Amino acid sequence: MAVATAAASRSRKALIPGVYPLPKFNIGDWVAEDWIDEFDNEVTDFGQVTGICYLPEEYFDCPANTWVYFIHWIRASSGLDSCYPCFDGQPKQADHLRLAQHI
């Protein structure tokens, strides 16, 4: 496992120019986002990172010099399965996401 992790880290570094920090998440990572719905219920969305982008300048509500992630959402804890799977195309900042062990 350590060999695979080291190899993945090396290949990730090879793809990202040295002037940029390494992203927190990679394409293929399973992530979750916790949020409060309009009825004050805690909801968690689960999905997979399908794209990443480094922003050297501000972009909408994302600060400059940050990574954003594009997520294909698979399901939510709210049970609203009719809304999933979906890809909304909205960039997500790392501080809004966490790694998910199970989807």
N, C-alpha and C. Protein backbone atom coordinates (compact mmCIF):
# COMPACT_ATOMS: atom_id res chain seq x y z
N MET A 1 0.82 -1.19 0.00
CA MET A 1 0.00 0.00 0.00
C MET A 1 0.86 1.26 0.00
N ALA A 2 1.95 1.24 0.76
CA ALA A 2 2.81 2.41 0.81
C ALA A 2 3.44 2.70 -0.55
N VAL A 3 3.75 1.63 -1.30
CA VAL A 3 4.32 1.81 -2.63
C VAL A 3 3.32 2.47 -3.55
N ALA A 4 2.06 2.02 -3.52
CA ALA A 4 1.02 2.61 -4.36
C ALA A 4 0.79 4.07 -4.00
N THR A 5 0.80 4.37 -2.70
CA THR A 5 0.60 5.75 -2.26
C THR A 5 1.75 6.63 -2.71
N ALA A 6 2.96 6.15 -2.58
CA ALA A 6 4.13 6.91 -3.00
C ALA A 6 4.11 7.13 -4.51
N ALA A 7 3.74 6.10 -5.26
CA ALA A 7 3.67 6.23 -6.72
C ALA A 7 2.60 7.23 -7.12
N ALA A 8 1.46 7.18 -6.47
CA ALA A 8 0.38 8.13 -6.79
C ALA A 8 0.81 9.55 -6.47
N SER A 9 1.50 9.73 -5.35
CA SER A 9 1.98 11.06 -4.97
C SER A 9 2.99 11.58 -5.99
N ARG A 10 3.89 10.72 -6.45
CA ARG A 10 4.88 11.13 -7.45
C ARG A 10 4.20 11.50 -8.76
N SER A 11 3.23 10.69 -9.21
CA SER A 11 2.57 10.99 -10.48
C SER A 11 1.75 12.27 -10.38
N ARG A 12 1.15 12.54 -9.23
CA ARG A 12 0.38 13.76 -9.04
C ARG A 12 1.32 14.95 -9.10
N LYS A 13 2.48 14.85 -8.46
CA LYS A 13 3.45 15.93 -8.48
C LYS A 13 3.96 16.18 -9.89
N ALA A 14 4.07 15.13 -10.69
CA ALA A 14 4.57 15.28 -12.05
C ALA A 14 3.58 16.04 -12.93
N LEU A 15 2.30 15.95 -12.62
CA LEU A 15 1.27 16.61 -13.42
C LEU A 15 1.01 18.05 -13.02
N ILE A 16 1.42 18.44 -11.83
CA ILE A 16 1.13 19.78 -11.31
C ILE A 16 2.43 20.58 -11.27
N PRO A 17 2.46 21.71 -11.97
CA PRO A 17 3.68 22.53 -11.94
C PRO A 17 4.07 22.90 -10.51
N GLY A 18 5.36 23.01 -10.27
CA GLY A 18 5.87 23.29 -8.93
C GLY A 18 5.43 24.60 -8.33
N VAL A 19 4.93 25.51 -9.13
CA VAL A 19 4.49 26.81 -8.60
C VAL A 19 3.13 26.72 -7.91
N TYR A 20 2.41 25.61 -8.09
CA TYR A 20 1.11 25.43 -7.47
C TYR A 20 1.21 24.47 -6.29
N PRO A 21 0.43 24.70 -5.24
CA PRO A 21 0.37 23.72 -4.16
C PRO A 21 -0.35 22.46 -4.64
N LEU A 22 -0.11 21.34 -3.99
CA LEU A 22 -0.82 20.11 -4.35
C LEU A 22 -2.29 20.22 -3.93
N PRO A 23 -3.20 19.68 -4.74
CA PRO A 23 -4.62 19.71 -4.36
C PRO A 23 -4.89 18.78 -3.19
N LYS A 24 -5.92 19.08 -2.42
CA LYS A 24 -6.30 18.23 -1.29
C LYS A 24 -6.95 16.93 -1.78
N PHE A 25 -7.71 17.01 -2.88
CA PHE A 25 -8.40 15.85 -3.43
C PHE A 25 -7.93 15.61 -4.86
N ASN A 26 -8.09 14.38 -5.33
CA ASN A 26 -7.71 14.00 -6.69
C ASN A 26 -8.93 13.50 -7.45
N ILE A 27 -8.83 13.49 -8.75
CA ILE A 27 -9.89 12.89 -9.57
C ILE A 27 -10.05 11.44 -9.14
N GLY A 28 -11.29 11.04 -8.93
CA GLY A 28 -11.59 9.68 -8.49
C GLY A 28 -11.83 9.56 -7.01
N ASP A 29 -11.44 10.56 -6.21
CA ASP A 29 -11.68 10.50 -4.77
C ASP A 29 -13.18 10.59 -4.48
N TRP A 30 -13.61 9.84 -3.46
CA TRP A 30 -14.99 9.91 -2.98
C TRP A 30 -15.04 10.96 -1.89
N VAL A 31 -15.97 11.90 -2.00
CA VAL A 31 -16.07 13.01 -1.06
C VAL A 31 -17.50 13.18 -0.56
N ALA A 32 -17.62 13.96 0.50
CA ALA A 32 -18.93 14.29 1.06
C ALA A 32 -18.96 15.79 1.35
N GLU A 33 -20.16 16.34 1.27
CA GLU A 33 -20.38 17.75 1.61
C GLU A 33 -21.56 17.82 2.57
N ASP A 34 -21.35 18.42 3.72
CA ASP A 34 -22.40 18.60 4.72
C ASP A 34 -23.00 19.99 4.57
N TRP A 35 -24.32 20.08 4.67
CA TRP A 35 -24.99 21.37 4.53
C TRP A 35 -26.34 21.32 5.24
N ILE A 36 -26.94 22.48 5.42
CA ILE A 36 -28.25 22.62 6.07
C ILE A 36 -29.28 22.99 5.01
N ASP A 37 -30.37 22.22 4.93
CA ASP A 37 -31.40 22.52 3.92
C ASP A 37 -32.33 23.64 4.41
N GLU A 38 -33.33 23.96 3.59
CA GLU A 38 -34.23 25.08 3.91
C GLU A 38 -35.13 24.82 5.11
N PHE A 39 -35.16 23.56 5.61
CA PHE A 39 -35.96 23.22 6.79
C PHE A 39 -35.07 23.02 8.03
N ASP A 40 -33.82 23.47 7.94
CA ASP A 40 -32.83 23.35 9.02
C ASP A 40 -32.45 21.90 9.33
N ASN A 41 -32.57 21.03 8.32
CA ASN A 41 -32.12 19.64 8.47
C ASN A 41 -30.68 19.52 7.99
N GLU A 42 -29.89 18.73 8.71
CA GLU A 42 -28.53 18.46 8.28
C GLU A 42 -28.56 17.41 7.17
N VAL A 43 -27.91 17.71 6.06
CA VAL A 43 -27.89 16.82 4.90
C VAL A 43 -26.43 16.61 4.49
N THR A 44 -26.13 15.42 4.02
CA THR A 44 -24.81 15.13 3.48
C THR A 44 -24.97 14.60 2.07
N ASP A 45 -24.29 15.24 1.13
CA ASP A 45 -24.23 14.75 -0.25
C ASP A 45 -22.95 13.96 -0.42
N PHE A 46 -23.02 12.86 -1.19
CA PHE A 46 -21.86 12.02 -1.45
C PHE A 46 -21.61 11.98 -2.95
N GLY A 47 -20.35 12.05 -3.34
CA GLY A 47 -20.04 12.02 -4.76
C GLY A 47 -18.58 11.72 -5.02
N GLN A 48 -18.22 11.79 -6.30
CA GLN A 48 -16.86 11.48 -6.74
C GLN A 48 -16.29 12.70 -7.47
N VAL A 49 -15.03 13.02 -7.19
CA VAL A 49 -14.36 14.12 -7.86
C VAL A 49 -14.14 13.72 -9.32
N THR A 50 -14.68 14.53 -10.23
CA THR A 50 -14.52 14.25 -11.67
C THR A 50 -13.64 15.27 -12.36
N GLY A 51 -13.29 16.35 -11.66
CA GLY A 51 -12.41 17.35 -12.25
C GLY A 51 -11.86 18.27 -11.18
N ILE A 52 -10.68 18.82 -11.44
CA ILE A 52 -10.08 19.79 -10.53
C ILE A 52 -9.52 20.94 -11.36
N CYS A 53 -9.44 22.11 -10.73
CA CYS A 53 -8.92 23.29 -11.43
C CYS A 53 -8.27 24.22 -10.42
N TYR A 54 -7.08 24.70 -10.75
CA TYR A 54 -6.40 25.68 -9.90
C TYR A 54 -6.81 27.07 -10.38
N LEU A 55 -7.22 27.92 -9.44
CA LEU A 55 -7.65 29.28 -9.76
C LEU A 55 -6.60 30.28 -9.31
N PRO A 56 -5.83 30.84 -10.22
CA PRO A 56 -4.84 31.85 -9.84
C PRO A 56 -5.49 33.20 -9.50
N GLU A 57 -6.73 33.40 -9.94
CA GLU A 57 -7.47 34.63 -9.66
C GLU A 57 -8.82 34.29 -9.04
N GLU A 58 -9.46 35.27 -8.42
CA GLU A 58 -10.79 35.05 -7.85
C GLU A 58 -11.76 34.61 -8.93
N TYR A 59 -12.70 33.74 -8.54
CA TYR A 59 -13.73 33.27 -9.47
C TYR A 59 -15.02 33.13 -8.67
N PHE A 60 -15.98 33.97 -8.94
CA PHE A 60 -17.23 34.04 -8.18
C PHE A 60 -16.91 34.12 -6.69
N ASP A 61 -17.34 33.12 -5.90
CA ASP A 61 -17.08 33.18 -4.46
C ASP A 61 -15.82 32.41 -4.05
N CYS A 62 -15.00 32.02 -5.02
CA CYS A 62 -13.76 31.28 -4.73
C CYS A 62 -12.59 32.25 -4.70
N PRO A 63 -11.77 32.20 -3.66
CA PRO A 63 -10.63 33.11 -3.58
C PRO A 63 -9.54 32.75 -4.59
N ALA A 64 -8.64 33.68 -4.83
CA ALA A 64 -7.50 33.44 -5.72
C ALA A 64 -6.56 32.42 -5.08
N ASN A 65 -5.79 31.75 -5.94
CA ASN A 65 -4.77 30.79 -5.51
C ASN A 65 -5.35 29.64 -4.70
N THR A 66 -6.38 29.03 -5.26
CA THR A 66 -7.01 27.90 -4.59
C THR A 66 -7.41 26.85 -5.63
N TRP A 67 -7.55 25.62 -5.18
CA TRP A 67 -8.06 24.53 -6.01
C TRP A 67 -9.57 24.46 -5.84
N VAL A 68 -10.27 24.17 -6.92
CA VAL A 68 -11.70 23.86 -6.85
C VAL A 68 -11.92 22.48 -7.46
N TYR A 69 -13.01 21.87 -7.07
CA TYR A 69 -13.30 20.48 -7.44
C TYR A 69 -14.69 20.40 -8.04
N PHE A 70 -14.82 19.56 -9.04
CA PHE A 70 -16.10 19.33 -9.70
C PHE A 70 -16.53 17.91 -9.34
N ILE A 71 -17.76 17.80 -8.83
CA ILE A 71 -18.22 16.56 -8.23
C ILE A 71 -19.42 15.99 -8.99
N HIS A 72 -19.39 14.69 -9.22
CA HIS A 72 -20.57 13.97 -9.71
C HIS A 72 -21.24 13.40 -8.47
N TRP A 73 -22.37 14.00 -8.10
CA TRP A 73 -23.06 13.61 -6.88
C TRP A 73 -23.82 12.31 -7.10
N ILE A 74 -23.67 11.38 -6.15
CA ILE A 74 -24.25 10.03 -6.27
C ILE A 74 -25.52 9.89 -5.43
N ARG A 75 -25.46 10.37 -4.20
CA ARG A 75 -26.63 10.25 -3.32
C ARG A 75 -26.51 11.24 -2.17
N ALA A 76 -27.61 11.36 -1.41
CA ALA A 76 -27.63 12.24 -0.24
C ALA A 76 -28.23 11.50 0.95
N SER A 77 -27.90 11.97 2.12
CA SER A 77 -28.45 11.37 3.34
C SER A 77 -29.92 11.70 3.53
N SER A 78 -30.43 12.66 2.77
CA SER A 78 -31.83 13.10 2.93
C SER A 78 -32.84 12.11 2.37
N GLY A 79 -32.38 11.16 1.55
CA GLY A 79 -33.28 10.18 0.98
C GLY A 79 -33.98 10.64 -0.29
N LEU A 80 -33.61 11.81 -0.82
CA LEU A 80 -34.21 12.31 -2.05
C LEU A 80 -33.50 11.70 -3.26
N ASP A 81 -33.69 10.40 -3.46
CA ASP A 81 -32.98 9.70 -4.52
C ASP A 81 -33.38 10.16 -5.92
N SER A 82 -34.52 10.81 -6.05
CA SER A 82 -34.95 11.27 -7.38
C SER A 82 -34.03 12.36 -7.93
N CYS A 83 -33.25 13.00 -7.06
CA CYS A 83 -32.35 14.08 -7.48
C CYS A 83 -30.96 13.56 -7.85
N TYR A 84 -30.72 12.29 -7.70
CA TYR A 84 -29.38 11.74 -7.89
C TYR A 84 -29.42 10.55 -8.84
N PRO A 85 -28.35 10.27 -9.55
CA PRO A 85 -27.09 11.01 -9.60
C PRO A 85 -27.25 12.30 -10.40
N CYS A 86 -26.34 13.25 -10.14
CA CYS A 86 -26.38 14.51 -10.87
C CYS A 86 -24.99 15.15 -10.90
N PHE A 87 -24.79 15.98 -11.89
CA PHE A 87 -23.58 16.81 -11.98
C PHE A 87 -24.06 18.23 -12.19
N ASP A 88 -23.85 19.08 -11.19
CA ASP A 88 -24.36 20.46 -11.29
C ASP A 88 -23.35 21.43 -11.87
N GLY A 89 -22.10 21.00 -12.05
CA GLY A 89 -21.09 21.85 -12.67
C GLY A 89 -20.57 22.98 -11.81
N GLN A 90 -20.98 23.02 -10.54
CA GLN A 90 -20.55 24.09 -9.64
C GLN A 90 -19.22 23.74 -8.99
N PRO A 91 -18.24 24.63 -9.05
CA PRO A 91 -16.96 24.35 -8.39
C PRO A 91 -17.12 24.36 -6.87
N LYS A 92 -16.48 23.40 -6.22
CA LYS A 92 -16.52 23.31 -4.75
C LYS A 92 -15.12 23.52 -4.21
N GLN A 93 -15.00 24.30 -3.16
CA GLN A 93 -13.72 24.52 -2.50
C GLN A 93 -13.44 23.37 -1.53
N ALA A 94 -12.17 23.13 -1.27
CA ALA A 94 -11.76 22.02 -0.41
C ALA A 94 -12.36 22.13 0.99
N ASP A 95 -12.51 23.36 1.51
CA ASP A 95 -13.02 23.49 2.87
C ASP A 95 -14.52 23.17 2.98
N HIS A 96 -15.18 22.93 1.85
CA HIS A 96 -16.58 22.51 1.86
C HIS A 96 -16.72 21.00 1.75
N LEU A 97 -15.61 20.31 1.49
CA LEU A 97 -15.63 18.87 1.24
C LEU A 97 -14.80 18.11 2.27
N ARG A 98 -15.09 16.83 2.38
CA ARG A 98 -14.26 15.92 3.18
C ARG A 98 -14.19 14.58 2.46
N LEU A 99 -13.13 13.82 2.71
CA LEU A 99 -13.04 12.49 2.12
C LEU A 99 -14.13 11.61 2.71
N ALA A 100 -14.71 10.76 1.89
CA ALA A 100 -15.74 9.83 2.34
C ALA A 100 -15.22 8.40 2.22
N GLN A 101 -15.41 7.62 3.24
CA GLN A 101 -14.96 6.23 3.24
C GLN A 101 -15.94 5.33 2.49
N HIS A 102 -17.22 5.60 2.66
CA HIS A 102 -18.26 4.78 2.03
C HIS A 102 -19.27 5.69 1.36
N ILE A 103 -19.72 5.25 0.22
CA ILE A 103 -20.72 6.06 -0.51
C ILE A 103 -22.07 5.40 -0.43
